[in-house]
């Protein structure tokens, strides 16, 4: 398979708060995320990471599920991982 198995560390927005709070008490922060998957799209502005890839036997067209799009500007690092046979 030509797609790389990788660990991507990236930053995203935090979940919205559900309760009203005083402005002076509001705390804001980005959230560091680690995602593992197959790097199926490696574009300048966005990376496509698939959790699952099927059709590895080459007899059928490859299929993907659990795909997330990660803006490149949010990525902290991309580390290659080893595949197990």
N, C-alpha and C. Protein backbone atom coordinates (compact mmCIF):
# COMPACT_ATOMS: atom_id res chain seq x y z
N UNK A 1 0.84 -1.19 0.00
CA UNK A 1 0.00 0.00 0.00
C UNK A 1 0.88 1.24 0.00
N UNK A 2 0.55 2.20 -0.84
CA UNK A 2 1.40 3.38 -0.95
C UNK A 2 1.10 4.45 0.09
N UNK A 3 -0.06 4.39 0.75
CA UNK A 3 -0.38 5.36 1.80
C UNK A 3 0.42 5.04 3.05
N UNK A 4 0.88 6.08 3.72
CA UNK A 4 1.71 5.90 4.92
C UNK A 4 0.87 5.82 6.18
N UNK A 5 1.27 4.95 7.09
CA UNK A 5 0.68 4.88 8.42
C UNK A 5 1.42 5.91 9.28
N UNK A 6 0.67 6.85 9.88
CA UNK A 6 1.30 7.95 10.60
C UNK A 6 0.58 8.29 11.90
N UNK A 7 1.30 8.99 12.75
CA UNK A 7 0.75 9.63 13.94
C UNK A 7 0.83 11.13 13.69
N UNK A 8 -0.32 11.79 13.69
CA UNK A 8 -0.35 13.25 13.51
C UNK A 8 -0.73 13.90 14.83
N UNK A 9 0.11 14.81 15.31
CA UNK A 9 -0.23 15.63 16.47
C UNK A 9 -0.68 16.98 15.93
N UNK A 10 -1.84 17.45 16.40
CA UNK A 10 -2.38 18.70 15.90
C UNK A 10 -3.19 19.40 16.97
N UNK A 11 -3.49 20.67 16.72
CA UNK A 11 -4.25 21.48 17.67
C UNK A 11 -5.61 21.81 17.09
N UNK A 12 -6.61 21.82 17.96
CA UNK A 12 -7.98 22.09 17.56
C UNK A 12 -8.62 22.99 18.60
N UNK A 13 -9.81 23.46 18.32
CA UNK A 13 -10.53 24.27 19.30
C UNK A 13 -11.10 23.36 20.39
N UNK A 14 -11.29 23.92 21.56
CA UNK A 14 -11.87 23.17 22.67
C UNK A 14 -13.39 23.16 22.54
N UNK A 15 -14.01 22.20 23.19
CA UNK A 15 -15.46 22.09 23.19
C UNK A 15 -16.07 23.34 23.82
N UNK A 16 -17.17 23.86 23.25
CA UNK A 16 -17.81 25.03 23.85
C UNK A 16 -18.28 24.74 25.27
N UNK A 17 -18.24 25.75 26.10
CA UNK A 17 -18.77 25.59 27.46
C UNK A 17 -20.29 25.62 27.40
N UNK A 18 -20.91 24.91 28.33
CA UNK A 18 -22.38 24.81 28.30
C UNK A 18 -23.08 25.79 29.23
N UNK A 19 -22.34 26.36 30.14
CA UNK A 19 -22.97 27.24 31.13
C UNK A 19 -22.52 28.69 30.93
N UNK A 20 -23.36 29.60 31.37
CA UNK A 20 -22.98 31.00 31.38
C UNK A 20 -21.89 31.20 32.41
N UNK A 21 -20.96 32.11 32.11
CA UNK A 21 -19.91 32.43 33.07
C UNK A 21 -19.50 33.88 32.89
N UNK A 22 -18.96 34.44 33.93
CA UNK A 22 -18.50 35.82 33.84
C UNK A 22 -17.32 35.90 32.89
N UNK A 23 -17.29 36.96 32.11
CA UNK A 23 -16.22 37.12 31.13
C UNK A 23 -14.85 37.05 31.77
N UNK A 24 -14.70 37.65 32.94
CA UNK A 24 -13.39 37.67 33.60
C UNK A 24 -12.94 36.26 34.04
N UNK A 25 -13.87 35.32 34.16
CA UNK A 25 -13.54 33.97 34.60
C UNK A 25 -13.32 32.98 33.44
N UNK A 26 -13.56 33.44 32.22
CA UNK A 26 -13.44 32.55 31.06
C UNK A 26 -11.98 32.17 30.84
N UNK A 27 -11.76 30.87 30.66
CA UNK A 27 -10.43 30.34 30.34
C UNK A 27 -10.49 29.81 28.91
N UNK A 28 -9.48 30.15 28.11
CA UNK A 28 -9.44 29.67 26.73
C UNK A 28 -8.13 28.93 26.48
N UNK A 29 -8.21 27.90 25.65
CA UNK A 29 -7.01 27.14 25.30
C UNK A 29 -7.30 26.26 24.10
N UNK A 30 -6.27 26.00 23.33
CA UNK A 30 -6.38 25.03 22.24
C UNK A 30 -6.18 23.64 22.84
N UNK A 31 -6.66 22.63 22.15
CA UNK A 31 -6.55 21.25 22.60
C UNK A 31 -5.56 20.51 21.70
N UNK A 32 -4.59 19.81 22.31
CA UNK A 32 -3.62 19.02 21.55
C UNK A 32 -4.23 17.64 21.31
N UNK A 33 -4.21 17.19 20.06
CA UNK A 33 -4.83 15.92 19.68
C UNK A 33 -3.78 15.05 19.01
N UNK A 34 -3.86 13.74 19.23
CA UNK A 34 -3.02 12.76 18.53
C UNK A 34 -3.94 11.84 17.76
N UNK A 35 -3.73 11.74 16.45
CA UNK A 35 -4.54 10.88 15.59
C UNK A 35 -3.63 9.94 14.82
N UNK A 36 -4.03 8.66 14.74
CA UNK A 36 -3.27 7.65 14.02
C UNK A 36 -4.12 7.13 12.87
N UNK A 37 -3.51 6.96 11.71
CA UNK A 37 -4.24 6.42 10.56
C UNK A 37 -3.38 6.43 9.32
N UNK A 38 -4.06 6.13 8.21
CA UNK A 38 -3.40 6.12 6.90
C UNK A 38 -3.50 7.50 6.28
N UNK A 39 -2.37 8.07 5.91
CA UNK A 39 -2.35 9.38 5.26
C UNK A 39 -2.72 9.17 3.80
N UNK A 40 -4.02 9.36 3.49
CA UNK A 40 -4.51 9.08 2.15
C UNK A 40 -4.50 10.30 1.23
N UNK A 41 -4.46 11.49 1.81
CA UNK A 41 -4.33 12.74 1.05
C UNK A 41 -3.31 13.61 1.76
N UNK A 42 -2.34 14.08 1.00
CA UNK A 42 -1.26 14.91 1.56
C UNK A 42 -1.17 16.18 0.74
N UNK A 43 -2.10 17.06 0.97
CA UNK A 43 -2.16 18.31 0.21
C UNK A 43 -1.52 19.44 0.99
N UNK A 44 -1.23 20.52 0.30
CA UNK A 44 -0.57 21.66 0.92
C UNK A 44 -1.41 22.24 2.06
N UNK A 45 -2.72 22.33 1.88
CA UNK A 45 -3.57 22.99 2.87
C UNK A 45 -4.29 22.04 3.82
N UNK A 46 -4.35 20.75 3.48
CA UNK A 46 -5.09 19.80 4.32
C UNK A 46 -4.54 18.39 4.16
N UNK A 47 -4.61 17.63 5.24
CA UNK A 47 -4.20 16.22 5.22
C UNK A 47 -5.46 15.38 5.44
N UNK A 48 -5.58 14.28 4.71
CA UNK A 48 -6.69 13.34 4.87
C UNK A 48 -6.18 12.09 5.57
N UNK A 49 -6.74 11.77 6.74
CA UNK A 49 -6.30 10.64 7.53
C UNK A 49 -7.46 9.65 7.66
N UNK A 50 -7.23 8.40 7.21
CA UNK A 50 -8.27 7.37 7.25
C UNK A 50 -8.01 6.40 8.38
N UNK A 51 -9.04 6.12 9.15
CA UNK A 51 -8.94 5.16 10.24
C UNK A 51 -8.89 3.74 9.70
N UNK A 52 -9.63 3.49 8.64
CA UNK A 52 -9.71 2.15 8.05
C UNK A 52 -9.54 2.22 6.54
N UNK A 53 -8.81 1.25 5.98
CA UNK A 53 -8.65 1.14 4.53
C UNK A 53 -8.90 -0.31 4.14
N UNK A 54 -9.78 -0.51 3.17
CA UNK A 54 -10.10 -1.85 2.70
C UNK A 54 -9.69 -2.03 1.25
N UNK A 55 -9.78 -3.25 0.75
CA UNK A 55 -9.39 -3.55 -0.63
C UNK A 55 -7.89 -3.71 -0.78
N UNK A 56 -7.24 -4.18 0.27
CA UNK A 56 -5.78 -4.30 0.25
C UNK A 56 -5.28 -5.41 -0.67
N UNK A 57 -6.18 -6.33 -1.05
CA UNK A 57 -5.76 -7.44 -1.90
C UNK A 57 -5.52 -7.01 -3.35
N UNK A 58 -5.93 -5.80 -3.71
CA UNK A 58 -5.73 -5.30 -5.05
C UNK A 58 -6.76 -5.80 -6.05
N UNK A 59 -7.69 -6.65 -5.62
CA UNK A 59 -8.71 -7.19 -6.51
C UNK A 59 -9.92 -6.27 -6.63
N UNK A 60 -10.08 -5.39 -5.65
CA UNK A 60 -11.17 -4.43 -5.67
C UNK A 60 -10.59 -3.04 -5.42
N UNK A 61 -11.36 -2.05 -5.76
CA UNK A 61 -10.92 -0.67 -5.52
C UNK A 61 -10.82 -0.42 -4.02
N UNK A 62 -9.81 0.32 -3.61
CA UNK A 62 -9.61 0.64 -2.20
C UNK A 62 -10.78 1.47 -1.69
N UNK A 63 -11.17 1.20 -0.44
CA UNK A 63 -12.23 1.95 0.23
C UNK A 63 -11.70 2.45 1.57
N UNK A 64 -12.25 3.58 2.03
CA UNK A 64 -11.81 4.16 3.30
C UNK A 64 -13.02 4.51 4.16
N UNK A 65 -12.83 4.44 5.48
CA UNK A 65 -13.85 4.92 6.41
C UNK A 65 -13.15 5.60 7.59
N UNK A 66 -13.91 6.40 8.30
CA UNK A 66 -13.34 7.11 9.44
C UNK A 66 -12.33 8.16 9.01
N UNK A 67 -12.60 8.84 7.89
CA UNK A 67 -11.65 9.83 7.35
C UNK A 67 -11.87 11.18 8.02
N UNK A 68 -10.77 11.78 8.50
CA UNK A 68 -10.83 13.15 9.02
C UNK A 68 -9.93 14.04 8.17
N UNK A 69 -10.34 15.28 8.05
CA UNK A 69 -9.54 16.29 7.34
C UNK A 69 -8.90 17.19 8.39
N UNK A 70 -7.57 17.28 8.34
CA UNK A 70 -6.84 18.09 9.31
C UNK A 70 -6.16 19.24 8.57
N UNK A 71 -6.53 20.49 8.88
CA UNK A 71 -5.86 21.61 8.23
C UNK A 71 -4.35 21.58 8.53
N UNK A 72 -3.55 21.72 7.51
CA UNK A 72 -2.09 21.66 7.66
C UNK A 72 -1.59 22.70 8.66
N UNK A 73 -2.21 23.86 8.70
CA UNK A 73 -1.76 24.92 9.62
C UNK A 73 -1.95 24.55 11.08
N UNK A 74 -2.76 23.51 11.37
CA UNK A 74 -3.00 23.06 12.75
C UNK A 74 -2.04 21.95 13.18
N UNK A 75 -1.26 21.41 12.24
CA UNK A 75 -0.42 20.26 12.53
C UNK A 75 0.86 20.68 13.24
N UNK A 76 1.16 19.98 14.33
CA UNK A 76 2.38 20.20 15.10
C UNK A 76 3.47 19.26 14.59
N UNK A 77 3.12 17.99 14.33
CA UNK A 77 4.09 17.02 13.82
C UNK A 77 3.40 15.86 13.14
N UNK A 78 4.13 15.22 12.21
CA UNK A 78 3.70 13.99 11.56
C UNK A 78 4.84 13.00 11.71
N UNK A 79 4.54 11.86 12.37
CA UNK A 79 5.56 10.84 12.60
C UNK A 79 5.15 9.55 11.88
N UNK A 80 6.05 8.99 11.05
CA UNK A 80 5.73 7.71 10.41
C UNK A 80 5.72 6.59 11.43
N UNK A 81 4.82 5.62 11.23
CA UNK A 81 4.73 4.45 12.09
C UNK A 81 5.05 3.20 11.26
N UNK A 82 5.51 2.15 11.91
CA UNK A 82 5.82 0.90 11.24
C UNK A 82 4.58 0.03 11.14
N UNK A 83 4.39 -0.60 9.99
CA UNK A 83 3.30 -1.55 9.81
C UNK A 83 3.72 -2.91 10.34
N UNK A 84 2.78 -3.62 10.89
CA UNK A 84 3.04 -4.99 11.35
C UNK A 84 2.51 -5.95 10.30
N UNK A 85 3.25 -7.00 10.03
CA UNK A 85 2.78 -8.01 9.07
C UNK A 85 1.95 -9.05 9.75
